[in-house]
N, C-alpha and C. Protein backbone atom coordinates (compact mmCIF):
# COMPACT_ATOMS: atom_id res chain seq x y z
N MET A 1 17.74 -14.41 2.28
CA MET A 1 17.42 -13.35 2.26
C MET A 1 16.23 -12.84 1.99
N ASP A 2 15.71 -11.77 2.56
CA ASP A 2 14.16 -11.26 2.11
C ASP A 2 14.87 -10.30 1.59
N THR A 3 13.44 -9.98 0.68
CA THR A 3 13.53 -8.55 -0.18
C THR A 3 13.35 -7.58 0.16
N ILE A 4 13.51 -6.61 -0.05
CA ILE A 4 13.21 -5.13 1.35
C ILE A 4 13.10 -3.86 0.03
N TYR A 5 11.74 -3.57 0.17
CA TYR A 5 11.09 -2.90 -0.93
C TYR A 5 11.28 -1.50 -0.33
N ALA A 6 12.50 -0.63 -0.05
CA ALA A 6 12.63 0.41 -0.14
C ALA A 6 13.83 0.56 -0.23
N ASP A 7 14.38 2.23 -0.58
CA ASP A 7 15.29 2.37 -1.18
C ASP A 7 16.15 3.08 0.55
N LEU A 8 15.41 2.75 1.00
CA LEU A 8 16.14 3.76 2.27
C LEU A 8 16.13 2.30 3.80
N SER A 9 16.95 2.22 4.52
CA SER A 9 16.41 1.27 5.67
C SER A 9 17.56 1.46 7.06
N ILE A 10 17.54 1.19 8.06
CA ILE A 10 17.96 1.67 8.83
C ILE A 10 17.76 0.53 10.13
N SER A 11 18.46 0.21 11.10
CA SER A 11 18.64 -0.81 12.16
C SER A 11 17.38 -0.57 13.13
N MET A 12 16.71 -1.27 13.35
CA MET A 12 15.99 -1.21 14.70
C MET A 12 16.33 -0.32 16.02
N SER A 13 17.63 -0.58 16.51
CA SER A 13 17.93 0.21 17.45
C SER A 13 18.47 1.80 16.95
N GLU A 14 18.51 1.71 15.85
CA GLU A 14 19.07 3.40 15.00
C GLU A 14 17.86 4.08 14.94
N PHE A 15 16.81 2.93 14.64
CA PHE A 15 15.35 3.78 14.50
C PHE A 15 14.95 4.82 15.83
N LYS A 16 14.92 3.20 17.00
CA LYS A 16 14.55 3.60 18.05
C LYS A 16 15.20 4.93 18.75
N LYS A 17 16.33 5.60 18.41
CA LYS A 17 17.19 6.18 19.19
C LYS A 17 16.27 7.63 18.71
N ASN A 18 15.90 7.76 17.14
CA ASN A 18 14.86 8.96 17.07
C ASN A 18 14.47 9.06 15.64
N PRO A 19 13.02 7.81 16.30
CA PRO A 19 11.92 8.24 15.05
C PRO A 19 11.70 8.94 14.14
N ALA A 20 11.49 10.29 14.69
CA ALA A 20 11.69 12.05 14.47
C ALA A 20 12.19 12.13 13.27
N GLN A 21 13.36 11.78 13.34
CA GLN A 21 14.33 11.91 12.60
C GLN A 21 14.47 11.40 11.06
N VAL A 22 14.14 10.23 11.59
CA VAL A 22 14.56 9.33 10.49
C VAL A 22 13.24 9.55 9.39
N LEU A 23 11.99 9.90 9.57
CA LEU A 23 11.17 10.50 9.32
C LEU A 23 11.33 11.55 7.95
N ARG A 24 11.70 12.47 8.91
CA ARG A 24 12.22 13.96 8.36
C ARG A 24 13.57 13.76 6.97
N THR A 25 14.38 12.75 7.40
CA THR A 25 15.23 12.43 6.61
C THR A 25 14.84 11.73 5.23
N ALA A 26 13.58 11.24 5.29
CA ALA A 26 13.32 9.66 4.42
C ALA A 26 12.33 10.83 3.78
N GLY A 27 11.77 11.91 4.25
CA GLY A 27 10.49 12.74 3.28
C GLY A 27 9.60 12.21 3.02
N GLU A 28 9.26 12.04 1.72
CA GLU A 28 8.33 10.74 0.90
C GLU A 28 8.19 9.17 0.96
N ARG A 29 9.46 8.96 1.17
CA ARG A 29 10.13 7.78 0.72
C ARG A 29 9.88 6.73 2.04
N PRO A 30 9.34 5.48 1.77
CA PRO A 30 9.15 4.54 2.48
C PRO A 30 10.91 4.07 3.06
N VAL A 31 10.82 3.43 4.23
CA VAL A 31 12.14 3.20 5.12
C VAL A 31 12.12 1.86 5.69
N ALA A 32 12.65 0.85 5.44
CA ALA A 32 12.80 -0.35 5.92
C ALA A 32 13.18 -0.55 7.40
N VAL A 33 12.67 -0.94 7.96
CA VAL A 33 13.83 -0.85 9.49
C VAL A 33 13.63 -2.24 9.80
N LEU A 34 15.22 -2.61 10.50
CA LEU A 34 15.89 -4.26 10.33
C LEU A 34 16.05 -4.47 11.13
N ASN A 35 16.13 -5.70 12.05
CA ASN A 35 16.40 -6.63 12.79
C ASN A 35 17.01 -7.42 12.45
N HIS A 36 18.19 -7.42 12.73
CA HIS A 36 18.93 -8.75 12.26
C HIS A 36 19.45 -8.43 10.97
N ASN A 37 19.02 -7.58 10.28
CA ASN A 37 19.14 -7.57 8.90
C ASN A 37 18.05 -7.40 8.11
N ARG A 38 16.86 -8.30 8.71
CA ARG A 38 16.11 -8.54 8.25
C ARG A 38 14.43 -7.85 8.22
N PRO A 39 13.70 -7.03 7.19
CA PRO A 39 12.93 -6.34 7.56
C PRO A 39 11.68 -6.46 8.61
N VAL A 40 11.44 -5.48 9.16
CA VAL A 40 10.72 -5.80 10.25
C VAL A 40 9.26 -5.20 10.15
N PHE A 41 9.49 -3.88 9.87
CA PHE A 41 8.52 -2.84 9.07
C PHE A 41 9.05 -1.95 8.19
N TYR A 42 7.85 -1.31 8.04
CA TYR A 42 8.15 -0.25 6.75
C TYR A 42 7.38 0.75 7.68
N MET A 43 8.32 1.87 7.43
CA MET A 43 7.84 3.09 7.56
C MET A 43 7.27 4.48 6.72
N VAL A 44 5.91 4.41 6.64
CA VAL A 44 5.73 5.29 5.71
C VAL A 44 5.27 6.49 6.01
N THR A 45 4.62 7.57 5.01
CA THR A 45 4.20 8.59 5.60
C THR A 45 2.58 8.01 5.74
N PRO A 46 1.54 9.47 6.12
CA PRO A 46 0.05 9.36 6.43
C PRO A 46 -0.17 9.03 4.42
N ARG A 47 0.38 10.23 4.01
CA ARG A 47 0.11 10.24 2.33
C ARG A 47 0.50 9.11 2.13
N MET A 48 1.78 8.47 1.82
CA MET A 48 2.13 7.32 0.99
C MET A 48 1.36 6.02 1.25
N PHE A 49 0.98 5.61 3.05
CA PHE A 49 -0.10 5.08 3.10
C PHE A 49 -1.44 5.37 2.28
N GLU A 50 -2.08 6.25 2.53
CA GLU A 50 -3.58 6.20 1.76
C GLU A 50 -3.36 5.88 0.22
N ALA A 51 -2.13 6.38 -0.46
CA ALA A 51 -2.02 5.83 -1.53
C ALA A 51 -2.20 4.82 -1.72
N LEU A 52 -1.24 3.56 -0.84
CA LEU A 52 -1.52 2.07 -0.99
C LEU A 52 -2.72 1.82 -0.62
N VAL A 53 -3.66 1.88 0.34
CA VAL A 53 -4.98 2.17 0.61
C VAL A 53 -5.49 2.47 -0.79
N GLU A 54 -5.59 3.11 -1.43
CA GLU A 54 -6.31 3.63 -2.50
C GLU A 54 -6.19 2.55 -3.73
N GLN A 55 -4.54 2.34 -3.96
CA GLN A 55 -3.97 1.19 -4.74
C GLN A 55 -4.75 -0.16 -4.76
N MET A 56 -5.08 -0.42 -3.48
CA MET A 56 -5.08 -1.50 -2.87
C MET A 56 -6.85 -1.47 -3.06
N ILE A 57 -8.00 -0.65 -2.88
CA ILE A 57 -9.14 -0.51 -3.19
C ILE A 57 -9.64 -0.37 -4.26
N ASP A 58 -8.74 0.05 -5.59
CA ASP A 58 -8.86 0.18 -6.98
C ASP A 58 -8.59 -1.05 -7.63
N GLY A 59 -7.58 -1.64 -6.78
CA GLY A 59 -7.41 -3.51 -7.65
C GLY A 59 -8.82 -4.18 -6.80
N ASP A 60 -8.88 -3.82 -5.85
CA ASP A 60 -10.83 -4.78 -5.64
C ASP A 60 -11.26 -4.32 -6.55
N LEU A 61 -11.85 -2.92 -6.66
CA LEU A 61 -13.19 -2.86 -7.74
C LEU A 61 -12.84 -2.90 -9.30
N ALA A 62 -11.88 -3.43 -9.31
CA ALA A 62 -11.20 -3.96 -11.21
C ALA A 62 -12.01 -5.28 -10.86
N GLU A 63 -11.53 -6.04 -9.59
CA GLU A 63 -11.64 -7.50 -9.74
C GLU A 63 -13.33 -7.72 -9.76
N LEU A 64 -13.49 -6.59 -9.20
CA LEU A 64 -15.25 -7.19 -8.82
C LEU A 64 -16.04 -6.57 -10.10
N ILE A 65 -15.40 -6.18 -10.92
CA ILE A 65 -15.90 -5.62 -12.29
C ILE A 65 -15.40 -6.65 -13.57
N ARG A 66 -14.40 -6.97 -13.17
CA ARG A 66 -13.73 -8.40 -14.16
C ARG A 66 -14.70 -9.63 -13.74
N HIS A 67 -15.18 -9.80 -12.32
CA HIS A 67 -16.33 -10.36 -12.22
C HIS A 67 -17.49 -10.28 -12.85
N ARG A 68 -17.90 -9.15 -12.91
CA ARG A 68 -19.51 -8.84 -13.07
C ARG A 68 -19.26 -9.35 -14.67
N LEU A 69 -18.48 -8.67 -15.29
CA LEU A 69 -18.46 -8.61 -16.74
C LEU A 69 -18.48 -10.00 -17.49
N ALA A 70 -18.22 -11.34 -16.25
CA ALA A 70 -17.66 -12.79 -16.73
C ALA A 70 -19.39 -13.03 -16.60
N GLN A 71 -20.21 -12.25 -15.81
CA GLN A 71 -21.64 -13.22 -15.40
C GLN A 71 -22.48 -11.85 -16.56
N LYS A 72 -22.28 -11.51 -17.36
CA LYS A 72 -22.80 -10.75 -18.62
C LYS A 72 -24.66 -11.41 -18.74
N ASP A 73 -23.73 -12.34 -19.00
CA ASP A 73 -25.24 -13.37 -19.37
C ASP A 73 -26.68 -13.31 -18.57
N ALA A 74 -25.89 -13.58 -17.55
CA ALA A 74 -27.03 -13.00 -16.52
C ALA A 74 -27.72 -11.70 -15.88
N ALA A 75 -27.25 -10.59 -16.44
CA ALA A 75 -27.61 -9.31 -16.23
C ALA A 75 -28.93 -8.68 -16.84
N VAL A 76 -29.50 -7.79 -16.37
CA VAL A 76 -31.02 -7.36 -16.75
C VAL A 76 -30.81 -6.31 -17.63
N GLU A 77 -31.48 -6.37 -18.41
CA GLU A 77 -31.45 -4.56 -19.25
C GLU A 77 -32.24 -3.99 -18.21
N VAL A 78 -31.96 -2.66 -18.17
CA VAL A 78 -33.11 -1.60 -17.23
C VAL A 78 -32.64 -0.34 -18.29
N ASP A 79 -33.86 0.55 -17.62
CA ASP A 79 -33.82 1.83 -19.02
C ASP A 79 -33.35 2.94 -17.36
N ILE A 80 -32.81 3.74 -17.68
CA ILE A 80 -32.03 4.77 -16.49
C ILE A 80 -33.11 5.78 -16.60
N ASP A 81 -34.15 5.67 -17.07
CA ASP A 81 -34.82 7.10 -16.96
C ASP A 81 -36.25 6.71 -16.13
N GLU A 82 -36.24 4.74 -16.23
CA GLU A 82 -37.50 4.17 -15.02
C GLU A 82 -36.82 4.34 -13.67
N ILE A 83 -35.98 4.40 -13.53
CA ILE A 83 -34.81 4.24 -12.00
C ILE A 83 -35.20 5.18 -11.06
C-alpha cells in the first residue's frame, strides 16, 4: 500500500472529467490523483509548488552551510573592508 501525502484524493477518471472543479474545491490543499487506488500524481497550486521549491532550496543551502562549517580549518580570514 502506498502512502498518500494529501488529505484529499480523487480517481483519475473523476479528475479528468473536470480538473478545474477539483482545483476550486481543493483550494490551497494538495490533491492525490489515484489510478487503481495508487497515487500517480499530486495536484498543487502554483503557490504551494513555489513554497515546496523554496523549502528544497533552503534545505540545499543548509546542507552547503553544514559542509562548509565542517571545513572551517581550511578557511581564510579576510577583512571585509579590504574586499
